[in-house]
Amino acid sequence: MRREMQWFSWRLIEEFDAYLCEARGLSPKTRENYADYVKHFLNGKYGDGVVELEALRPEDFVRFITEQSSRYKPATLQIMAAALRNLIRFLKLKGLCDGRWVQAVPTVANWRLSSLPVHLTQDELKVLLESFDRSKAAQLRDYAMVVCMATLALRVGEVARLSLDDIDWQAGVLRLQTTKVRRASVLPLPPAIGEAIVA
């Protein structure tokens, strides 16, 4: 029988703060920031409803960081991402999620010119995606590449290095081989990307 666990958000934040203090040794200010961003994340997912932690999925974390990227600077997004990674570690201890989800939280660039050029708006992205003639093989490929960059915030080089061997269709994940670390990043594979690649 599926185990149902529902906590009100205030109780979750209270226990999360205790975890950050006791297990992670973080300062009160850092814990306060992390708690605020986790509240923001949970509010976006559940609103005023009951927080059902077992309903969370890796794509929820990806979507949150992607959505916030149009509102906050990279430095703030980095803190948000760190807060979500700590939330995942906390939930893993509670047996509520897979600890490997930490790798699904997007990495946020914060080098000096990372904010340039300005990202596309949703309307601009829609126009761009609709501009591809998907009756032609080359444009099908280009469309799939743009969908990967827009949906998973992948860099051009990361998309160029992708191969079919990087995709686990059964698990619905994309294993992104990185050059800066020895392990691959595992990202959820949204249906739109899977369909574009298959096409």
N, C-alpha and C. Protein backbone atom coordinates (compact mmCIF):
# COMPACT_ATOMS: atom_id res chain seq x y z
N MET A 1 0.85 -1.20 0.00
CA MET A 1 0.00 0.00 0.00
C MET A 1 0.88 1.24 0.00
N ARG A 2 0.56 2.21 -0.86
CA ARG A 2 1.37 3.41 -0.98
C ARG A 2 1.29 4.22 0.31
N ARG A 3 2.48 4.59 0.77
CA ARG A 3 2.56 5.36 2.01
C ARG A 3 2.23 6.82 1.74
N GLU A 4 1.25 7.34 2.40
CA GLU A 4 0.84 8.74 2.24
C GLU A 4 1.43 9.58 3.38
N MET A 5 2.20 10.62 3.00
CA MET A 5 2.77 11.51 4.01
C MET A 5 2.48 12.94 3.60
N GLN A 6 1.76 13.62 4.40
CA GLN A 6 1.41 15.01 4.12
C GLN A 6 1.77 15.88 5.33
N TRP A 7 2.62 16.85 5.08
CA TRP A 7 3.02 17.79 6.13
C TRP A 7 2.56 19.19 5.73
N PHE A 8 2.14 19.97 6.70
CA PHE A 8 1.89 21.37 6.42
C PHE A 8 3.24 22.05 6.25
N SER A 9 3.27 23.07 5.40
CA SER A 9 4.53 23.69 5.04
C SER A 9 5.28 24.25 6.24
N TRP A 10 4.59 24.76 7.24
CA TRP A 10 5.30 25.34 8.39
C TRP A 10 6.07 24.28 9.14
N ARG A 11 5.51 23.10 9.24
CA ARG A 11 6.19 21.99 9.92
C ARG A 11 7.40 21.53 9.12
N LEU A 12 7.24 21.48 7.82
CA LEU A 12 8.35 21.09 6.95
C LEU A 12 9.50 22.07 7.08
N ILE A 13 9.20 23.37 7.03
CA ILE A 13 10.25 24.39 7.12
C ILE A 13 10.95 24.32 8.47
N GLU A 14 10.20 24.06 9.50
CA GLU A 14 10.78 23.95 10.85
C GLU A 14 11.78 22.79 10.91
N GLU A 15 11.41 21.66 10.37
CA GLU A 15 12.30 20.50 10.38
C GLU A 15 13.47 20.70 9.42
N PHE A 16 13.21 21.37 8.29
CA PHE A 16 14.27 21.65 7.34
C PHE A 16 15.32 22.56 7.97
N ASP A 17 14.87 23.57 8.71
CA ASP A 17 15.80 24.49 9.37
C ASP A 17 16.66 23.75 10.40
N ALA A 18 16.04 22.83 11.13
CA ALA A 18 16.79 22.05 12.10
C ALA A 18 17.85 21.20 11.41
N TYR A 19 17.50 20.65 10.25
CA TYR A 19 18.45 19.86 9.47
C TYR A 19 19.63 20.72 9.02
N LEU A 20 19.33 21.93 8.51
CA LEU A 20 20.39 22.83 8.04
C LEU A 20 21.32 23.22 9.17
N CYS A 21 20.77 23.37 10.35
CA CYS A 21 21.57 23.76 11.52
C CYS A 21 22.41 22.61 12.03
N GLU A 22 21.76 21.47 12.27
CA GLU A 22 22.43 20.35 12.93
C GLU A 22 23.28 19.51 11.99
N ALA A 23 22.77 19.24 10.79
CA ALA A 23 23.49 18.36 9.87
C ALA A 23 24.44 19.11 8.95
N ARG A 24 24.07 20.34 8.59
CA ARG A 24 24.87 21.08 7.63
C ARG A 24 25.70 22.19 8.28
N GLY A 25 25.35 22.59 9.51
CA GLY A 25 26.11 23.60 10.22
C GLY A 25 26.07 24.98 9.58
N LEU A 26 24.96 25.32 8.96
CA LEU A 26 24.85 26.60 8.27
C LEU A 26 24.50 27.73 9.22
N SER A 27 24.86 28.94 8.84
CA SER A 27 24.61 30.11 9.68
C SER A 27 23.12 30.44 9.66
N PRO A 28 22.66 31.18 10.69
CA PRO A 28 21.24 31.56 10.73
C PRO A 28 20.78 32.31 9.48
N LYS A 29 21.62 33.21 8.95
CA LYS A 29 21.24 33.99 7.77
C LYS A 29 21.08 33.09 6.54
N THR A 30 22.02 32.16 6.37
CA THR A 30 21.94 31.23 5.24
C THR A 30 20.71 30.35 5.36
N ARG A 31 20.44 29.88 6.58
CA ARG A 31 19.25 29.04 6.80
C ARG A 31 17.98 29.81 6.50
N GLU A 32 17.95 31.07 6.89
CA GLU A 32 16.78 31.91 6.63
C GLU A 32 16.55 32.08 5.13
N ASN A 33 17.65 32.32 4.38
CA ASN A 33 17.54 32.46 2.93
C ASN A 33 17.05 31.17 2.28
N TYR A 34 17.63 30.05 2.69
CA TYR A 34 17.23 28.76 2.14
C TYR A 34 15.76 28.48 2.43
N ALA A 35 15.34 28.77 3.65
CA ALA A 35 13.95 28.52 4.03
C ALA A 35 13.00 29.37 3.18
N ASP A 36 13.37 30.63 2.93
CA ASP A 36 12.53 31.52 2.13
C ASP A 36 12.37 30.98 0.71
N TYR A 37 13.47 30.51 0.13
CA TYR A 37 13.40 30.00 -1.24
C TYR A 37 12.65 28.69 -1.32
N VAL A 38 12.77 27.86 -0.29
CA VAL A 38 12.02 26.60 -0.27
C VAL A 38 10.52 26.90 -0.13
N LYS A 39 10.18 27.89 0.70
CA LYS A 39 8.77 28.30 0.81
C LYS A 39 8.24 28.77 -0.55
N HIS A 40 9.06 29.54 -1.25
CA HIS A 40 8.69 30.05 -2.57
C HIS A 40 8.45 28.88 -3.53
N PHE A 41 9.35 27.90 -3.48
CA PHE A 41 9.24 26.71 -4.33
C PHE A 41 7.96 25.93 -4.02
N LEU A 42 7.71 25.68 -2.74
CA LEU A 42 6.54 24.91 -2.33
C LEU A 42 5.24 25.66 -2.64
N ASN A 43 5.27 26.98 -2.48
CA ASN A 43 4.08 27.77 -2.77
C ASN A 43 3.74 27.71 -4.26
N GLY A 44 4.80 27.74 -5.09
CA GLY A 44 4.58 27.64 -6.53
C GLY A 44 4.04 26.28 -6.93
N LYS A 45 4.42 25.25 -6.21
CA LYS A 45 3.98 23.89 -6.53
C LYS A 45 2.60 23.58 -5.96
N TYR A 46 2.34 23.99 -4.71
CA TYR A 46 1.12 23.57 -4.02
C TYR A 46 0.15 24.71 -3.69
N GLY A 47 0.61 25.97 -3.78
CA GLY A 47 -0.26 27.08 -3.41
C GLY A 47 -0.65 27.00 -1.94
N ASP A 48 -1.93 27.16 -1.65
CA ASP A 48 -2.42 27.09 -0.28
C ASP A 48 -2.83 25.67 0.12
N GLY A 49 -2.62 24.72 -0.77
CA GLY A 49 -3.02 23.34 -0.48
C GLY A 49 -2.03 22.63 0.43
N VAL A 50 -2.32 21.39 0.69
CA VAL A 50 -1.46 20.55 1.54
C VAL A 50 -0.21 20.16 0.75
N VAL A 51 0.93 20.23 1.40
CA VAL A 51 2.19 19.87 0.76
C VAL A 51 2.33 18.35 0.74
N GLU A 52 2.28 17.77 -0.44
CA GLU A 52 2.45 16.33 -0.61
C GLU A 52 3.84 16.07 -1.16
N LEU A 53 4.77 15.81 -0.28
CA LEU A 53 6.17 15.69 -0.69
C LEU A 53 6.42 14.52 -1.61
N GLU A 54 5.65 13.45 -1.44
CA GLU A 54 5.87 12.27 -2.28
C GLU A 54 5.45 12.51 -3.72
N ALA A 55 4.74 13.60 -3.98
CA ALA A 55 4.32 13.92 -5.35
C ALA A 55 5.39 14.70 -6.10
N LEU A 56 6.45 15.15 -5.42
CA LEU A 56 7.51 15.90 -6.08
C LEU A 56 8.24 15.01 -7.08
N ARG A 57 8.70 15.63 -8.17
CA ARG A 57 9.45 14.95 -9.20
C ARG A 57 10.64 15.81 -9.59
N PRO A 58 11.71 15.24 -10.17
CA PRO A 58 12.89 16.03 -10.54
C PRO A 58 12.56 17.23 -11.41
N GLU A 59 11.59 17.06 -12.33
CA GLU A 59 11.27 18.17 -13.22
C GLU A 59 10.70 19.38 -12.50
N ASP A 60 10.15 19.18 -11.27
CA ASP A 60 9.64 20.31 -10.50
C ASP A 60 10.77 21.26 -10.12
N PHE A 61 11.92 20.69 -9.79
CA PHE A 61 13.07 21.51 -9.40
C PHE A 61 13.66 22.23 -10.62
N VAL A 62 13.73 21.52 -11.75
CA VAL A 62 14.23 22.13 -12.98
C VAL A 62 13.33 23.28 -13.40
N ARG A 63 12.01 23.04 -13.36
CA ARG A 63 11.05 24.06 -13.79
C ARG A 63 11.15 25.31 -12.91
N PHE A 64 11.32 25.11 -11.60
CA PHE A 64 11.37 26.25 -10.69
C PHE A 64 12.56 27.15 -11.01
N ILE A 65 13.75 26.57 -11.13
CA ILE A 65 14.94 27.37 -11.41
C ILE A 65 14.82 28.04 -12.77
N THR A 66 14.29 27.31 -13.75
CA THR A 66 14.13 27.88 -15.10
C THR A 66 13.18 29.07 -15.07
N GLU A 67 12.07 28.95 -14.36
CA GLU A 67 11.10 30.04 -14.28
C GLU A 67 11.68 31.26 -13.56
N GLN A 68 12.46 31.01 -12.52
CA GLN A 68 13.01 32.13 -11.75
C GLN A 68 14.13 32.85 -12.49
N SER A 69 14.70 32.22 -13.50
CA SER A 69 15.84 32.80 -14.21
C SER A 69 15.50 34.12 -14.89
N SER A 70 14.21 34.35 -15.16
CA SER A 70 13.81 35.60 -15.79
C SER A 70 13.58 36.72 -14.77
N ARG A 71 13.62 36.38 -13.48
CA ARG A 71 13.31 37.36 -12.45
C ARG A 71 14.50 37.72 -11.55
N TYR A 72 15.47 36.82 -11.47
CA TYR A 72 16.57 37.03 -10.53
C TYR A 72 17.93 36.96 -11.22
N LYS A 73 18.91 37.59 -10.58
CA LYS A 73 20.27 37.56 -11.09
C LYS A 73 20.90 36.20 -10.80
N PRO A 74 21.96 35.83 -11.55
CA PRO A 74 22.61 34.54 -11.37
C PRO A 74 23.04 34.24 -9.93
N ALA A 75 23.54 35.26 -9.22
CA ALA A 75 23.99 35.04 -7.84
C ALA A 75 22.84 34.57 -6.95
N THR A 76 21.67 35.17 -7.14
CA THR A 76 20.49 34.78 -6.37
C THR A 76 20.02 33.39 -6.78
N LEU A 77 20.06 33.11 -8.09
CA LEU A 77 19.66 31.80 -8.58
C LEU A 77 20.56 30.69 -8.03
N GLN A 78 21.83 31.01 -7.86
CA GLN A 78 22.75 30.03 -7.28
C GLN A 78 22.34 29.66 -5.85
N ILE A 79 21.92 30.67 -5.09
CA ILE A 79 21.47 30.41 -3.72
C ILE A 79 20.19 29.59 -3.74
N MET A 80 19.27 29.91 -4.66
CA MET A 80 18.04 29.13 -4.80
C MET A 80 18.35 27.67 -5.12
N ALA A 81 19.27 27.47 -6.05
CA ALA A 81 19.64 26.10 -6.43
C ALA A 81 20.24 25.35 -5.25
N ALA A 82 21.09 26.04 -4.47
CA ALA A 82 21.69 25.42 -3.28
C ALA A 82 20.61 25.06 -2.26
N ALA A 83 19.61 25.93 -2.12
CA ALA A 83 18.50 25.65 -1.20
C ALA A 83 17.75 24.40 -1.62
N LEU A 84 17.48 24.27 -2.93
CA LEU A 84 16.76 23.10 -3.41
C LEU A 84 17.58 21.82 -3.27
N ARG A 85 18.89 21.92 -3.49
CA ARG A 85 19.73 20.73 -3.32
C ARG A 85 19.72 20.28 -1.86
N ASN A 86 19.75 21.24 -0.94
CA ASN A 86 19.67 20.87 0.48
C ASN A 86 18.30 20.31 0.83
N LEU A 87 17.26 20.83 0.21
CA LEU A 87 15.92 20.28 0.44
C LEU A 87 15.86 18.82 -0.01
N ILE A 88 16.45 18.54 -1.16
CA ILE A 88 16.46 17.16 -1.67
C ILE A 88 17.21 16.24 -0.71
N ARG A 89 18.34 16.70 -0.20
CA ARG A 89 19.11 15.87 0.75
C ARG A 89 18.30 15.62 2.03
N PHE A 90 17.58 16.65 2.46
CA PHE A 90 16.73 16.52 3.64
C PHE A 90 15.61 15.52 3.39
N LEU A 91 14.97 15.62 2.23
CA LEU A 91 13.87 14.71 1.90
C LEU A 91 14.36 13.27 1.73
N LYS A 92 15.60 13.13 1.24
CA LYS A 92 16.17 11.78 1.12
C LYS A 92 16.30 11.12 2.49
N LEU A 93 16.74 11.90 3.47
CA LEU A 93 16.84 11.37 4.83
C LEU A 93 15.48 10.92 5.36
N LYS A 94 14.43 11.59 4.90
CA LYS A 94 13.06 11.24 5.31
C LYS A 94 12.48 10.10 4.47
N GLY A 95 13.26 9.64 3.48
CA GLY A 95 12.78 8.57 2.62
C GLY A 95 11.73 9.02 1.62
N LEU A 96 11.74 10.30 1.28
CA LEU A 96 10.69 10.85 0.43
C LEU A 96 11.13 11.13 -1.00
N CYS A 97 12.42 10.99 -1.29
CA CYS A 97 12.85 11.18 -2.67
C CYS A 97 14.21 10.51 -2.87
N ASP A 98 14.62 10.43 -4.11
CA ASP A 98 15.90 9.85 -4.49
C ASP A 98 16.98 10.92 -4.36
N GLY A 99 18.02 10.63 -3.62
CA GLY A 99 19.09 11.61 -3.43
C GLY A 99 19.77 12.03 -4.72
N ARG A 100 19.65 11.20 -5.75
CA ARG A 100 20.27 11.55 -7.04
C ARG A 100 19.58 12.72 -7.72
N TRP A 101 18.41 13.10 -7.21
CA TRP A 101 17.71 14.26 -7.78
C TRP A 101 18.53 15.53 -7.63
N VAL A 102 19.48 15.53 -6.70
CA VAL A 102 20.35 16.70 -6.52
C VAL A 102 20.97 17.09 -7.86
N GLN A 103 21.31 16.09 -8.66
CA GLN A 103 21.96 16.34 -9.95
C GLN A 103 21.01 16.96 -10.97
N ALA A 104 19.70 16.90 -10.70
CA ALA A 104 18.72 17.47 -11.64
C ALA A 104 18.57 18.97 -11.47
N VAL A 105 18.99 19.50 -10.33
CA VAL A 105 18.87 20.95 -10.10
C VAL A 105 19.88 21.65 -11.01
N PRO A 106 19.42 22.53 -11.90
CA PRO A 106 20.32 23.17 -12.86
C PRO A 106 21.46 23.93 -12.20
N THR A 107 22.62 23.86 -12.81
CA THR A 107 23.76 24.66 -12.38
C THR A 107 23.60 26.05 -12.99
N VAL A 108 23.83 27.08 -12.18
CA VAL A 108 23.64 28.46 -12.64
C VAL A 108 24.99 29.13 -12.84
N ALA A 109 25.24 29.59 -14.06
CA ALA A 109 26.48 30.30 -14.34
C ALA A 109 26.46 31.67 -13.68
N ASN A 110 27.60 32.08 -13.14
CA ASN A 110 27.67 33.40 -12.52
C ASN A 110 29.00 34.08 -12.83
N TRP A 111 29.50 33.86 -14.05
CA TRP A 111 30.69 34.58 -14.44
C TRP A 111 30.32 36.00 -14.83
N ARG A 112 31.30 36.85 -15.04
CA ARG A 112 31.10 38.30 -15.11
C ARG A 112 30.07 38.73 -16.16
N LEU A 113 30.00 38.07 -17.31
CA LEU A 113 29.09 38.47 -18.37
C LEU A 113 27.97 37.45 -18.58
N SER A 114 27.66 36.66 -17.55
CA SER A 114 26.69 35.58 -17.72
C SER A 114 25.29 36.10 -18.02
N SER A 115 25.04 37.36 -17.71
CA SER A 115 23.70 37.89 -17.97
C SER A 115 23.52 38.37 -19.40
N LEU A 116 24.56 38.28 -20.22
CA LEU A 116 24.50 38.71 -21.62
C LEU A 116 24.64 37.51 -22.54
N PRO A 117 23.88 37.42 -23.64
CA PRO A 117 22.82 38.34 -24.00
C PRO A 117 21.55 38.08 -23.20
N VAL A 118 20.59 39.01 -23.27
CA VAL A 118 19.34 38.84 -22.56
C VAL A 118 18.60 37.63 -23.12
N HIS A 119 18.01 36.83 -22.24
CA HIS A 119 17.30 35.62 -22.67
C HIS A 119 16.06 35.98 -23.48
N LEU A 120 15.57 34.99 -24.21
CA LEU A 120 14.35 35.19 -24.98
C LEU A 120 13.14 35.16 -24.05
N THR A 121 12.14 35.97 -24.39
CA THR A 121 10.87 35.88 -23.66
C THR A 121 10.13 34.64 -24.16
N GLN A 122 9.06 34.25 -23.45
CA GLN A 122 8.27 33.09 -23.87
C GLN A 122 7.70 33.31 -25.27
N ASP A 123 7.24 34.52 -25.56
CA ASP A 123 6.68 34.81 -26.89
C ASP A 123 7.76 34.71 -27.97
N GLU A 124 8.95 35.23 -27.66
CA GLU A 124 10.06 35.16 -28.63
C GLU A 124 10.49 33.72 -28.86
N LEU A 125 10.52 32.95 -27.79
CA LEU A 125 10.88 31.53 -27.92
C LEU A 125 9.86 30.79 -28.77
N LYS A 126 8.58 31.10 -28.57
CA LYS A 126 7.52 30.46 -29.36
C LYS A 126 7.70 30.77 -30.84
N VAL A 127 7.99 32.04 -31.15
CA VAL A 127 8.21 32.43 -32.55
C VAL A 127 9.41 31.69 -33.12
N LEU A 128 10.48 31.58 -32.33
CA LEU A 128 11.68 30.88 -32.79
C LEU A 128 11.37 29.42 -33.10
N LEU A 129 10.70 28.74 -32.20
CA LEU A 129 10.40 27.32 -32.38
C LEU A 129 9.47 27.09 -33.58
N GLU A 130 8.55 28.02 -33.78
CA GLU A 130 7.61 27.88 -34.91
C GLU A 130 8.26 28.21 -36.25
N SER A 131 9.46 28.79 -36.21
CA SER A 131 10.13 29.17 -37.45
C SER A 131 10.80 27.99 -38.15
N PHE A 132 10.96 26.87 -37.45
CA PHE A 132 11.63 25.72 -38.05
C PHE A 132 10.68 24.96 -38.98
N ASP A 133 11.19 24.60 -40.15
CA ASP A 133 10.43 23.77 -41.09
C ASP A 133 10.73 22.32 -40.76
N ARG A 134 9.85 21.71 -39.97
CA ARG A 134 10.13 20.36 -39.48
C ARG A 134 9.83 19.26 -40.49
N SER A 135 9.63 19.65 -41.74
CA SER A 135 9.52 18.65 -42.80
C SER A 135 10.91 18.32 -43.37
N LYS A 136 11.91 19.09 -42.92
CA LYS A 136 13.29 18.89 -43.38
C LYS A 136 14.15 18.35 -42.24
N ALA A 137 14.99 17.37 -42.57
CA ALA A 137 15.79 16.69 -41.54
C ALA A 137 16.70 17.65 -40.78
N ALA A 138 17.37 18.54 -41.49
CA ALA A 138 18.32 19.45 -40.83
C ALA A 138 17.59 20.37 -39.86
N GLN A 139 16.40 20.82 -40.23
CA GLN A 139 15.66 21.72 -39.34
C GLN A 139 15.03 20.95 -38.18
N LEU A 140 14.73 19.68 -38.37
CA LEU A 140 14.28 18.84 -37.25
C LEU A 140 15.39 18.75 -36.21
N ARG A 141 16.63 18.58 -36.68
CA ARG A 141 17.78 18.52 -35.78
C ARG A 141 17.96 19.84 -35.04
N ASP A 142 17.90 20.95 -35.80
CA ASP A 142 18.08 22.27 -35.18
C ASP A 142 16.98 22.54 -34.16
N TYR A 143 15.76 22.14 -34.49
CA TYR A 143 14.63 22.32 -33.57
C TYR A 143 14.88 21.56 -32.27
N ALA A 144 15.32 20.31 -32.38
CA ALA A 144 15.60 19.51 -31.19
C ALA A 144 16.69 20.14 -30.34
N MET A 145 17.70 20.71 -30.99
CA MET A 145 18.79 21.35 -30.25
C MET A 145 18.29 22.57 -29.48
N VAL A 146 17.47 23.38 -30.14
CA VAL A 146 16.94 24.59 -29.47
C VAL A 146 16.03 24.21 -28.32
N VAL A 147 15.21 23.15 -28.49
CA VAL A 147 14.34 22.70 -27.41
C VAL A 147 15.17 22.26 -26.21
N CYS A 148 16.28 21.56 -26.46
CA CYS A 148 17.17 21.13 -25.37
C CYS A 148 17.74 22.33 -24.62
N MET A 149 18.18 23.32 -25.37
CA MET A 149 18.77 24.51 -24.73
C MET A 149 17.73 25.31 -23.96
N ALA A 150 16.54 25.44 -24.55
CA ALA A 150 15.50 26.27 -23.93
C ALA A 150 14.87 25.60 -22.72
N THR A 151 14.69 24.29 -22.77
CA THR A 151 13.98 23.58 -21.71
C THR A 151 14.88 23.18 -20.56
N LEU A 152 16.09 22.73 -20.87
CA LEU A 152 17.00 22.25 -19.82
C LEU A 152 18.15 23.21 -19.56
N ALA A 153 18.14 24.37 -20.23
CA ALA A 153 19.20 25.37 -20.05
C ALA A 153 20.58 24.80 -20.34
N LEU A 154 20.67 23.96 -21.36
CA LEU A 154 21.95 23.38 -21.75
C LEU A 154 22.74 24.38 -22.59
N ARG A 155 24.06 24.31 -22.49
CA ARG A 155 24.91 25.15 -23.31
C ARG A 155 25.01 24.54 -24.72
N VAL A 156 25.44 25.38 -25.66
CA VAL A 156 25.56 24.91 -27.05
C VAL A 156 26.49 23.70 -27.13
N GLY A 157 27.64 23.78 -26.45
CA GLY A 157 28.60 22.68 -26.49
C GLY A 157 28.04 21.41 -25.88
N GLU A 158 27.25 21.55 -24.82
CA GLU A 158 26.65 20.38 -24.18
C GLU A 158 25.66 19.69 -25.11
N VAL A 159 24.89 20.49 -25.84
CA VAL A 159 23.93 19.92 -26.79
C VAL A 159 24.69 19.26 -27.94
N ALA A 160 25.74 19.89 -28.42
CA ALA A 160 26.51 19.35 -29.54
C ALA A 160 27.14 18.00 -29.21
N ARG A 161 27.47 17.79 -27.92
CA ARG A 161 28.11 16.54 -27.53
C ARG A 161 27.12 15.42 -27.23
N LEU A 162 25.83 15.71 -27.22
CA LEU A 162 24.85 14.69 -26.89
C LEU A 162 24.83 13.57 -27.93
N SER A 163 24.64 12.35 -27.45
CA SER A 163 24.43 11.22 -28.34
C SER A 163 23.27 10.40 -27.80
N LEU A 164 22.75 9.49 -28.62
CA LEU A 164 21.63 8.65 -28.18
C LEU A 164 22.00 7.79 -26.98
N ASP A 165 23.29 7.49 -26.83
CA ASP A 165 23.73 6.69 -25.69
C ASP A 165 23.57 7.44 -24.37
N ASP A 166 23.41 8.77 -24.44
CA ASP A 166 23.24 9.57 -23.23
C ASP A 166 21.81 9.55 -22.71
N ILE A 167 20.90 8.97 -23.47
CA ILE A 167 19.48 8.97 -23.11
C ILE A 167 19.05 7.61 -22.59
N ASP A 168 18.47 7.60 -21.39
CA ASP A 168 17.85 6.41 -20.83
C ASP A 168 16.35 6.57 -21.00
N TRP A 169 15.82 5.96 -22.07
CA TRP A 169 14.41 6.15 -22.39
C TRP A 169 13.50 5.56 -21.34
N GLN A 170 13.88 4.41 -20.78
CA GLN A 170 13.02 3.77 -19.77
C GLN A 170 12.93 4.60 -18.50
N ALA A 171 14.07 5.13 -18.06
CA ALA A 171 14.08 5.94 -16.84
C ALA A 171 13.62 7.37 -17.11
N GLY A 172 13.61 7.77 -18.38
CA GLY A 172 13.20 9.13 -18.72
C GLY A 172 14.20 10.18 -18.27
N VAL A 173 15.50 9.88 -18.43
CA VAL A 173 16.53 10.82 -17.99
C VAL A 173 17.58 11.00 -19.09
N LEU A 174 18.28 12.11 -19.00
CA LEU A 174 19.37 12.45 -19.90
C LEU A 174 20.64 12.54 -19.07
N ARG A 175 21.64 11.76 -19.43
CA ARG A 175 22.91 11.79 -18.71
C ARG A 175 23.86 12.71 -19.46
N LEU A 176 24.12 13.85 -18.84
CA LEU A 176 24.93 14.88 -19.48
C LEU A 176 26.39 14.70 -19.09
N GLN A 177 27.20 14.31 -20.06
CA GLN A 177 28.62 14.13 -19.80
C GLN A 177 29.29 15.49 -19.72
N THR A 178 29.90 15.77 -18.60
CA THR A 178 30.56 17.06 -18.41
C THR A 178 32.06 16.90 -18.47
N THR A 179 32.74 17.98 -18.80
CA THR A 179 34.20 17.93 -18.91
C THR A 179 34.88 18.41 -17.63
N LYS A 180 34.12 19.07 -16.74
CA LYS A 180 34.73 19.66 -15.55
C LYS A 180 34.70 18.73 -14.34
N VAL A 181 33.85 17.70 -14.38
CA VAL A 181 33.78 16.76 -13.27
C VAL A 181 33.78 15.36 -13.83
N ARG A 182 34.06 14.38 -12.99
CA ARG A 182 34.18 13.02 -13.47
C ARG A 182 32.85 12.28 -13.57
N ARG A 183 31.81 12.80 -12.95
CA ARG A 183 30.52 12.14 -13.02
C ARG A 183 29.59 12.90 -13.95
N ALA A 184 28.63 12.17 -14.51
CA ALA A 184 27.67 12.80 -15.41
C ALA A 184 26.52 13.41 -14.62
N SER A 185 25.99 14.50 -15.12
CA SER A 185 24.79 15.08 -14.53
C SER A 185 23.58 14.37 -15.12
N VAL A 186 22.61 14.05 -14.26
CA VAL A 186 21.41 13.35 -14.71
C VAL A 186 20.25 14.33 -14.66
N LEU A 187 19.62 14.55 -15.80
CA LEU A 187 18.51 15.49 -15.91
C LEU A 187 17.26 14.75 -16.37
N PRO A 188 16.10 15.19 -15.91
CA PRO A 188 14.86 14.58 -16.40
C PRO A 188 14.69 14.88 -17.88
N LEU A 189 14.06 13.96 -18.60
CA LEU A 189 13.84 14.13 -20.03
C LEU A 189 12.37 14.41 -20.27
N PRO A 190 12.00 15.70 -20.38
CA PRO A 190 10.59 16.04 -20.60
C PRO A 190 10.10 15.46 -21.92
N PRO A 191 8.80 15.16 -22.02
CA PRO A 191 8.24 14.59 -23.25
C PRO A 191 8.55 15.41 -24.49
N ALA A 192 8.49 16.75 -24.38
CA ALA A 192 8.73 17.60 -25.55
C ALA A 192 10.12 17.39 -26.13
N ILE A 193 11.11 17.20 -25.24
CA ILE A 193 12.48 16.97 -25.72
C ILE A 193 12.59 15.58 -26.32
N GLY A 194 12.01 14.57 -25.63
CA GLY A 194 12.06 13.21 -26.15
C GLY A 194 11.42 13.12 -27.53
N GLU A 195 10.29 13.77 -27.71
CA GLU A 195 9.59 13.73 -29.01
C GLU A 195 10.42 14.43 -30.09
N ALA A 196 11.06 15.55 -29.73
CA ALA A 196 11.87 16.27 -30.71
C ALA A 196 13.08 15.44 -31.14
N ILE A 197 13.69 14.75 -30.20
CA ILE A 197 14.85 13.91 -30.52
C ILE A 197 14.44 12.72 -31.37
N VAL A 198 13.33 12.08 -31.00
CA VAL A 198 12.83 10.94 -31.78
C VAL A 198 12.54 11.35 -33.21
N ALA A 199 11.91 12.52 -33.37
CA ALA A 199 11.58 13.01 -34.71
C ALA A 199 12.84 13.26 -35.53
